[in-house]
Amino acid sequence: DIKFVPGVGPKRASILNKEIEVFTLGDLLRYYPYRYVDRTRMYYIHEIDNSMVYIQLKGRITAFETFG
């Protein structure tokens, strides 16, 4: 199980399982990513534009309504 690889652990293993279907060390060694998405950078809504394909937003929800 990938969670027993040093530095991985249960939380990161769960992410690897869900997002890239890596369950074992063998899966990880045979995984060749075709793109890189930098998830370390957070953006505010006023910083984004149409050229940005993958982003993470940072903000604060001040109110919401439920419909239906």
PDB file of N, CA and C in Angstrom:
ATOM      1  N   ASP A   1       0.843  -1.190   0.000  1.00  0.00           N
ATOM      2  CA  ASP A   1       0.000   0.000   0.000  1.00  0.00           C
ATOM      3  C   ASP A   1       0.882   1.245   0.000  1.00  0.00           C
ATOM      4  N   ILE A   2       0.504   2.229  -0.796  1.00  0.00           N
ATOM      5  CA  ILE A   2       1.300   3.448  -0.980  1.00  0.00           C
ATOM      6  C   ILE A   2       1.424   4.259   0.309  1.00  0.00           C
ATOM      7  N   LYS A   3       0.476   4.120   1.242  1.00  0.00           N
ATOM      8  CA  LYS A   3       0.529   4.919   2.469  1.00  0.00           C
ATOM      9  C   LYS A   3       1.702   4.549   3.365  1.00  0.00           C
ATOM     10  N   PHE A   4       2.299   3.386   3.145  1.00  0.00           N
ATOM     11  CA  PHE A   4       3.440   2.963   3.956  1.00  0.00           C
ATOM     12  C   PHE A   4       4.782   3.428   3.395  1.00  0.00           C
ATOM     13  N   VAL A   5       4.776   4.079   2.237  1.00  0.00           N
ATOM     14  CA  VAL A   5       6.006   4.650   1.679  1.00  0.00           C
ATOM     15  C   VAL A   5       6.377   5.859   2.531  1.00  0.00           C
ATOM     16  N   PRO A   6       7.633   5.962   2.975  1.00  0.00           N
ATOM     17  CA  PRO A   6       8.030   7.103   3.811  1.00  0.00           C
ATOM     18  C   PRO A   6       7.697   8.444   3.147  1.00  0.00           C
ATOM     19  N   GLY A   7       7.039   9.314   3.915  1.00  0.00           N
ATOM     20  CA  GLY A   7       6.670  10.634   3.412  1.00  0.00           C
ATOM     21  C   GLY A   7       5.293  10.708   2.792  1.00  0.00           C
ATOM     22  N   VAL A   8       4.621   9.572   2.627  1.00  0.00           N
ATOM     23  CA  VAL A   8       3.292   9.584   2.007  1.00  0.00           C
ATOM     24  C   VAL A   8       2.216   9.656   3.081  1.00  0.00           C
ATOM     25  N   GLY A   9       2.011   8.612   3.838  1.00  0.00           N
ATOM     26  CA  GLY A   9       1.008   8.618   4.896  1.00  0.00           C
ATOM     27  C   GLY A   9      -0.405   8.476   4.368  1.00  0.00           C
ATOM     28  N   PRO A  10      -1.389   8.304   5.267  1.00  0.00           N
ATOM     29  CA  PRO A  10      -2.773   8.043   4.870  1.00  0.00           C
ATOM     30  C   PRO A  10      -3.440   9.189   4.110  1.00  0.00           C
ATOM     31  N   LYS A  11      -3.200  10.427   4.529  1.00  0.00           N
ATOM     32  CA  LYS A  11      -3.867  11.567   3.886  1.00  0.00           C
ATOM     33  C   LYS A  11      -3.401  11.735   2.440  1.00  0.00           C
ATOM     34  N   ARG A  12      -2.099  11.744   2.229  1.00  0.00           N
ATOM     35  CA  ARG A  12      -1.558  11.895   0.876  1.00  0.00           C
ATOM     36  C   ARG A  12      -1.880  10.660   0.033  1.00  0.00           C
ATOM     37  N   ALA A  13      -1.889   9.478   0.650  1.00  0.00           N
ATOM     38  CA  ALA A  13      -2.240   8.250  -0.071  1.00  0.00           C
ATOM     39  C   ALA A  13      -3.666   8.332  -0.602  1.00  0.00           C
ATOM     40  N   SER A  14      -4.570   8.875   0.195  1.00  0.00           N
ATOM     41  CA  SER A  14      -5.955   9.028  -0.236  1.00  0.00           C
ATOM     42  C   SER A  14      -6.054   9.939  -1.459  1.00  0.00           C
ATOM     43  N   ILE A  15      -5.285  11.012  -1.462  1.00  0.00           N
ATOM     44  CA  ILE A  15      -5.270  11.931  -2.608  1.00  0.00           C
ATOM     45  C   ILE A  15      -4.715  11.227  -3.843  1.00  0.00           C
ATOM     46  N   LEU A  16      -3.613  10.495  -3.681  1.00  0.00           N
ATOM     47  CA  LEU A  16      -3.027   9.757  -4.806  1.00  0.00           C
ATOM     48  C   LEU A  16      -4.004   8.721  -5.349  1.00  0.00           C
ATOM     49  N   ASN A  17      -4.729   8.049  -4.463  1.00  0.00           N
ATOM     50  CA  ASN A  17      -5.720   7.053  -4.882  1.00  0.00           C
ATOM     51  C   ASN A  17      -6.819   7.692  -5.718  1.00  0.00           C
ATOM     52  N   LYS A  18      -7.377   8.789  -5.235  1.00  0.00           N
ATOM     53  CA  LYS A  18      -8.518   9.422  -5.896  1.00  0.00           C
ATOM     54  C   LYS A  18      -8.136  10.150  -7.177  1.00  0.00           C
ATOM     55  N   GLU A  19      -7.041  10.916  -7.142  1.00  0.00           N
ATOM     56  CA  GLU A  19      -6.736  11.807  -8.258  1.00  0.00           C
ATOM     57  C   GLU A  19      -5.972  11.149  -9.397  1.00  0.00           C
ATOM     58  N   ILE A  20      -5.061  10.227  -9.099  1.00  0.00           N
ATOM     59  CA  ILE A  20      -4.266   9.637 -10.187  1.00  0.00           C
ATOM     60  C   ILE A  20      -4.256   8.115 -10.148  1.00  0.00           C
ATOM     61  N   GLU A  21      -5.125   7.531  -9.323  1.00  0.00           N
ATOM     62  CA  GLU A  21      -5.283   6.081  -9.230  1.00  0.00           C
ATOM     63  C   GLU A  21      -3.966   5.358  -8.962  1.00  0.00           C
ATOM     64  N   VAL A  22      -3.172   5.889  -8.026  1.00  0.00           N
ATOM     65  CA  VAL A  22      -1.938   5.251  -7.579  1.00  0.00           C
ATOM     66  C   VAL A  22      -2.230   4.601  -6.231  1.00  0.00           C
ATOM     67  N   PHE A  23      -2.087   3.271  -6.178  1.00  0.00           N
ATOM     68  CA  PHE A  23      -2.396   2.515  -4.970  1.00  0.00           C
ATOM     69  C   PHE A  23      -1.176   1.815  -4.379  1.00  0.00           C
ATOM     70  N   THR A  24      -0.170   1.538  -5.207  1.00  0.00           N
ATOM     71  CA  THR A  24       1.017   0.811  -4.753  1.00  0.00           C
ATOM     72  C   THR A  24       2.274   1.550  -5.183  1.00  0.00           C
ATOM     73  N   LEU A  25       3.405   1.145  -4.644  1.00  0.00           N
ATOM     74  CA  LEU A  25       4.680   1.721  -5.062  1.00  0.00           C
ATOM     75  C   LEU A  25       4.926   1.451  -6.545  1.00  0.00           C
ATOM     76  N   GLY A  26       4.537   0.285  -7.010  1.00  0.00           N
ATOM     77  CA  GLY A  26       4.662  -0.042  -8.437  1.00  0.00           C
ATOM     78  C   GLY A  26       3.859   0.912  -9.302  1.00  0.00           C
ATOM     79  N   ASP A  27       2.627   1.238  -8.873  1.00  0.00           N
ATOM     80  CA  ASP A  27       1.804   2.215  -9.604  1.00  0.00           C
ATOM     81  C   ASP A  27       2.514   3.557  -9.685  1.00  0.00           C
ATOM     82  N   LEU A  28       3.126   3.963  -8.579  1.00  0.00           N
ATOM     83  CA  LEU A  28       3.815   5.252  -8.539  1.00  0.00           C
ATOM     84  C   LEU A  28       5.018   5.265  -9.474  1.00  0.00           C
ATOM     85  N   LEU A  29       5.763   4.171  -9.501  1.00  0.00           N
ATOM     86  CA  LEU A  29       6.937   4.097 -10.374  1.00  0.00           C
ATOM     87  C   LEU A  29       6.556   4.081 -11.852  1.00  0.00           C
ATOM     88  N   ARG A  30       5.374   3.578 -12.170  1.00  0.00           N
ATOM     89  CA  ARG A  30       4.917   3.525 -13.560  1.00  0.00           C
ATOM     90  C   ARG A  30       4.058   4.727 -13.951  1.00  0.00           C
ATOM     91  N   TYR A  31       3.881   5.664 -13.056  1.00  0.00           N
ATOM     92  CA  TYR A  31       3.056   6.842 -13.338  1.00  0.00           C
ATOM     93  C   TYR A  31       3.894   7.911 -14.027  1.00  0.00           C
ATOM     94  N   TYR A  32       3.468   8.313 -15.211  1.00  0.00           N
ATOM     95  CA  TYR A  32       4.152   9.361 -15.970  1.00  0.00           C
ATOM     96  C   TYR A  32       3.175  10.509 -16.188  1.00  0.00           C
ATOM     97  N   PRO A  33       3.294  11.578 -15.430  1.00  0.00           N
ATOM     98  CA  PRO A  33       2.348  12.696 -15.581  1.00  0.00           C
ATOM     99  C   PRO A  33       2.502  13.372 -16.938  1.00  0.00           C
ATOM    100  N   TYR A  34       1.393  13.797 -17.512  1.00  0.00           N
ATOM    101  CA  TYR A  34       1.434  14.484 -18.799  1.00  0.00           C
ATOM    102  C   TYR A  34       1.278  15.994 -18.649  1.00  0.00           C
ATOM    103  N   ARG A  35       1.028  16.466 -17.438  1.00  0.00           N
ATOM    104  CA  ARG A  35       1.005  17.912 -17.177  1.00  0.00           C
ATOM    105  C   ARG A  35       1.276  18.123 -15.694  1.00  0.00           C
ATOM    106  N   TYR A  36       1.588  19.353 -15.364  1.00  0.00           N
ATOM    107  CA  TYR A  36       1.856  19.703 -13.975  1.00  0.00           C
ATOM    108  C   TYR A  36       0.934  20.837 -13.581  1.00  0.00           C
ATOM    109  N   VAL A  37       0.219  20.673 -12.497  1.00  0.00           N
ATOM    110  CA  VAL A  37      -0.655  21.719 -11.977  1.00  0.00           C
ATOM    111  C   VAL A  37      -0.070  22.169 -10.650  1.00  0.00           C
ATOM    112  N   ASP A  38       0.360  23.419 -10.590  1.00  0.00           N
ATOM    113  CA  ASP A  38       0.942  23.971  -9.363  1.00  0.00           C
ATOM    114  C   ASP A  38      -0.183  24.327  -8.403  1.00  0.00           C
ATOM    115  N   ARG A  39      -0.315  23.563  -7.344  1.00  0.00           N
ATOM    116  CA  ARG A  39      -1.379  23.808  -6.372  1.00  0.00           C
ATOM    117  C   ARG A  39      -0.868  24.547  -5.144  1.00  0.00           C
ATOM    118  N   THR A  40       0.336  25.085  -5.224  1.00  0.00           N
ATOM    119  CA  THR A  40       0.875  25.825  -4.092  1.00  0.00           C
ATOM    120  C   THR A  40       0.475  27.291  -4.149  1.00  0.00           C
ATOM    121  N   ARG A  41       0.122  27.800  -5.316  1.00  0.00           N
ATOM    122  CA  ARG A  41      -0.209  29.213  -5.485  1.00  0.00           C
ATOM    123  C   ARG A  41      -1.701  29.400  -5.316  1.00  0.00           C
ATOM    124  N   MET A  42      -2.090  30.325  -4.446  1.00  0.00           N
ATOM    125  CA  MET A  42      -3.496  30.668  -4.240  1.00  0.00           C
ATOM    126  C   MET A  42      -3.755  32.026  -4.882  1.00  0.00           C
ATOM    127  N   TYR A  43      -4.931  32.188  -5.474  1.00  0.00           N
ATOM    128  CA  TYR A  43      -5.291  33.430  -6.147  1.00  0.00           C
ATOM    129  C   TYR A  43      -6.528  34.036  -5.507  1.00  0.00           C
ATOM    130  N   TYR A  44      -6.585  35.350  -5.517  1.00  0.00           N
ATOM    131  CA  TYR A  44      -7.810  36.057  -5.189  1.00  0.00           C
ATOM    132  C   TYR A  44      -8.597  36.220  -6.486  1.00  0.00           C
ATOM    133  N   ILE A  45      -9.901  36.399  -6.388  1.00  0.00           N
ATOM    134  CA  ILE A  45     -10.741  36.494  -7.578  1.00  0.00           C
ATOM    135  C   ILE A  45     -10.287  37.626  -8.489  1.00  0.00           C
ATOM    136  N   HIS A  46      -9.868  38.747  -7.939  1.00  0.00           N
ATOM    137  CA  HIS A  46      -9.462  39.873  -8.785  1.00  0.00           C
ATOM    138  C   HIS A  46      -8.150  39.614  -9.530  1.00  0.00           C
ATOM    139  N   GLU A  47      -7.432  38.539  -9.213  1.00  0.00           N
ATOM    140  CA  GLU A  47      -6.166  38.225  -9.873  1.00  0.00           C
ATOM    141  C   GLU A  47      -6.318  37.297 -11.081  1.00  0.00           C
ATOM    142  N   ILE A  48      -7.469  36.662 -11.255  1.00  0.00           N
ATOM    143  CA  ILE A  48      -7.594  35.661 -12.311  1.00  0.00           C
ATOM    144  C   ILE A  48      -8.028  36.286 -13.630  1.00  0.00           C
ATOM    145  N   ASP A  49      -7.676  35.586 -14.729  1.00  0.00           N
ATOM    146  CA  ASP A  49      -8.137  35.988 -16.053  1.00  0.00           C
ATOM    147  C   ASP A  49      -8.423  34.733 -16.879  1.00  0.00           C
ATOM    148  N   ASN A  50      -8.910  34.920 -18.104  1.00  0.00           N
ATOM    149  CA  ASN A  50      -9.342  33.798 -18.937  1.00  0.00           C
ATOM    150  C   ASN A  50      -8.210  32.882 -19.374  1.00  0.00           C
ATOM    151  N   SER A  51      -6.971  33.327 -19.313  1.00  0.00           N
ATOM    152  CA  SER A  51      -5.856  32.492 -19.759  1.00  0.00           C
ATOM    153  C   SER A  51      -5.459  31.444 -18.723  1.00  0.00           C
ATOM    154  N   MET A  52      -5.936  31.579 -17.506  1.00  0.00           N
ATOM    155  CA  MET A  52      -5.589  30.639 -16.434  1.00  0.00           C
ATOM    156  C   MET A  52      -6.516  29.432 -16.502  1.00  0.00           C
ATOM    157  N   VAL A  53      -5.943  28.251 -16.744  1.00  0.00           N
ATOM    158  CA  VAL A  53      -6.752  27.050 -16.909  1.00  0.00           C
ATOM    159  C   VAL A  53      -7.045  26.389 -15.568  1.00  0.00           C
ATOM    160  N   TYR A  54      -6.013  26.157 -14.760  1.00  0.00           N
ATOM    161  CA  TYR A  54      -6.169  25.509 -13.458  1.00  0.00           C
ATOM    162  C   TYR A  54      -5.719  26.471 -12.372  1.00  0.00           C
ATOM    163  N   ILE A  55      -6.630  26.802 -11.457  1.00  0.00           N
ATOM    164  CA  ILE A  55      -6.288  27.725 -10.376  1.00  0.00           C
ATOM    165  C   ILE A  55      -6.937  27.262  -9.078  1.00  0.00           C
ATOM    166  N   GLN A  56      -6.444  27.777  -7.976  1.00  0.00           N
ATOM    167  CA  GLN A  56      -7.098  27.631  -6.680  1.00  0.00           C
ATOM    168  C   GLN A  56      -7.432  29.034  -6.208  1.00  0.00           C
ATOM    169  N   LEU A  57      -8.653  29.223  -5.782  1.00  0.00           N
ATOM    170  CA  LEU A  57      -9.084  30.534  -5.323  1.00  0.00           C
ATOM    171  C   LEU A  57      -8.988  30.638  -3.814  1.00  0.00           C
ATOM    172  N   LYS A  58      -8.717  31.845  -3.370  1.00  0.00           N
ATOM    173  CA  LYS A  58      -8.710  32.128  -1.943  1.00  0.00           C
ATOM    174  C   LYS A  58      -9.693  33.264  -1.717  1.00  0.00           C
ATOM    175  N   GLY A  59     -10.572  33.100  -0.763  1.00  0.00           N
ATOM    176  CA  GLY A  59     -11.557  34.138  -0.498  1.00  0.00           C
ATOM    177  C   GLY A  59     -12.309  33.856   0.788  1.00  0.00           C
ATOM    178  N   ARG A  60     -13.299  34.663   1.031  1.00  0.00           N
ATOM    179  CA  ARG A  60     -14.107  34.510   2.234  1.00  0.00           C
ATOM    180  C   ARG A  60     -15.574  34.568   1.840  1.00  0.00           C
ATOM    181  N   ILE A  61     -16.342  33.590   2.284  1.00  0.00           N
ATOM    182  CA  ILE A  61     -17.784  33.583   2.046  1.00  0.00           C
ATOM    183  C   ILE A  61     -18.420  34.360   3.182  1.00  0.00           C
ATOM    184  N   THR A  62     -19.110  35.444   2.837  1.00  0.00           N
ATOM    185  CA  THR A  62     -19.712  36.284   3.867  1.00  0.00           C
ATOM    186  C   THR A  62     -21.209  36.018   4.040  1.00  0.00           C
ATOM    187  N   ALA A  63     -21.841  35.446   3.016  1.00  0.00           N
ATOM    188  CA  ALA A  63     -23.262  35.118   3.116  1.00  0.00           C
ATOM    189  C   ALA A  63     -23.611  34.112   2.028  1.00  0.00           C
ATOM    190  N   PHE A  64     -24.673  33.361   2.255  1.00  0.00           N
ATOM    191  CA  PHE A  64     -25.157  32.444   1.233  1.00  0.00           C
ATOM    192  C   PHE A  64     -26.633  32.185   1.450  1.00  0.00           C
ATOM    193  N   GLU A  65     -27.309  31.773   0.371  1.00  0.00           N
ATOM    194  CA  GLU A  65     -28.717  31.418   0.434  1.00  0.00           C
ATOM    195  C   GLU A  65     -28.898  30.037  -0.157  1.00  0.00           C
ATOM    196  N   THR A  66     -29.860  29.302   0.361  1.00  0.00           N
ATOM    197  CA  THR A  66     -30.183  27.989  -0.172  1.00  0.00           C
ATOM    198  C   THR A  66     -31.510  28.079  -0.911  1.00  0.00           C
ATOM    199  N   PHE A  67     -31.533  27.556  -2.129  1.00  0.00           N
ATOM    200  CA  PHE A  67     -32.756  27.547  -2.924  1.00  0.00           C
ATOM    201  C   PHE A  67     -33.206  26.113  -3.118  1.00  0.00           C
ATOM    202  N   GLY A  68     -34.515  25.913  -3.169  1.00  0.00           N
ATOM    203  CA  GLY A  68     -35.053  24.592  -3.502  1.00  0.00           C
ATOM    204  C   GLY A  68     -35.296  23.784  -2.367  1.00  0.00           C
TER     205      GLY A  68
END
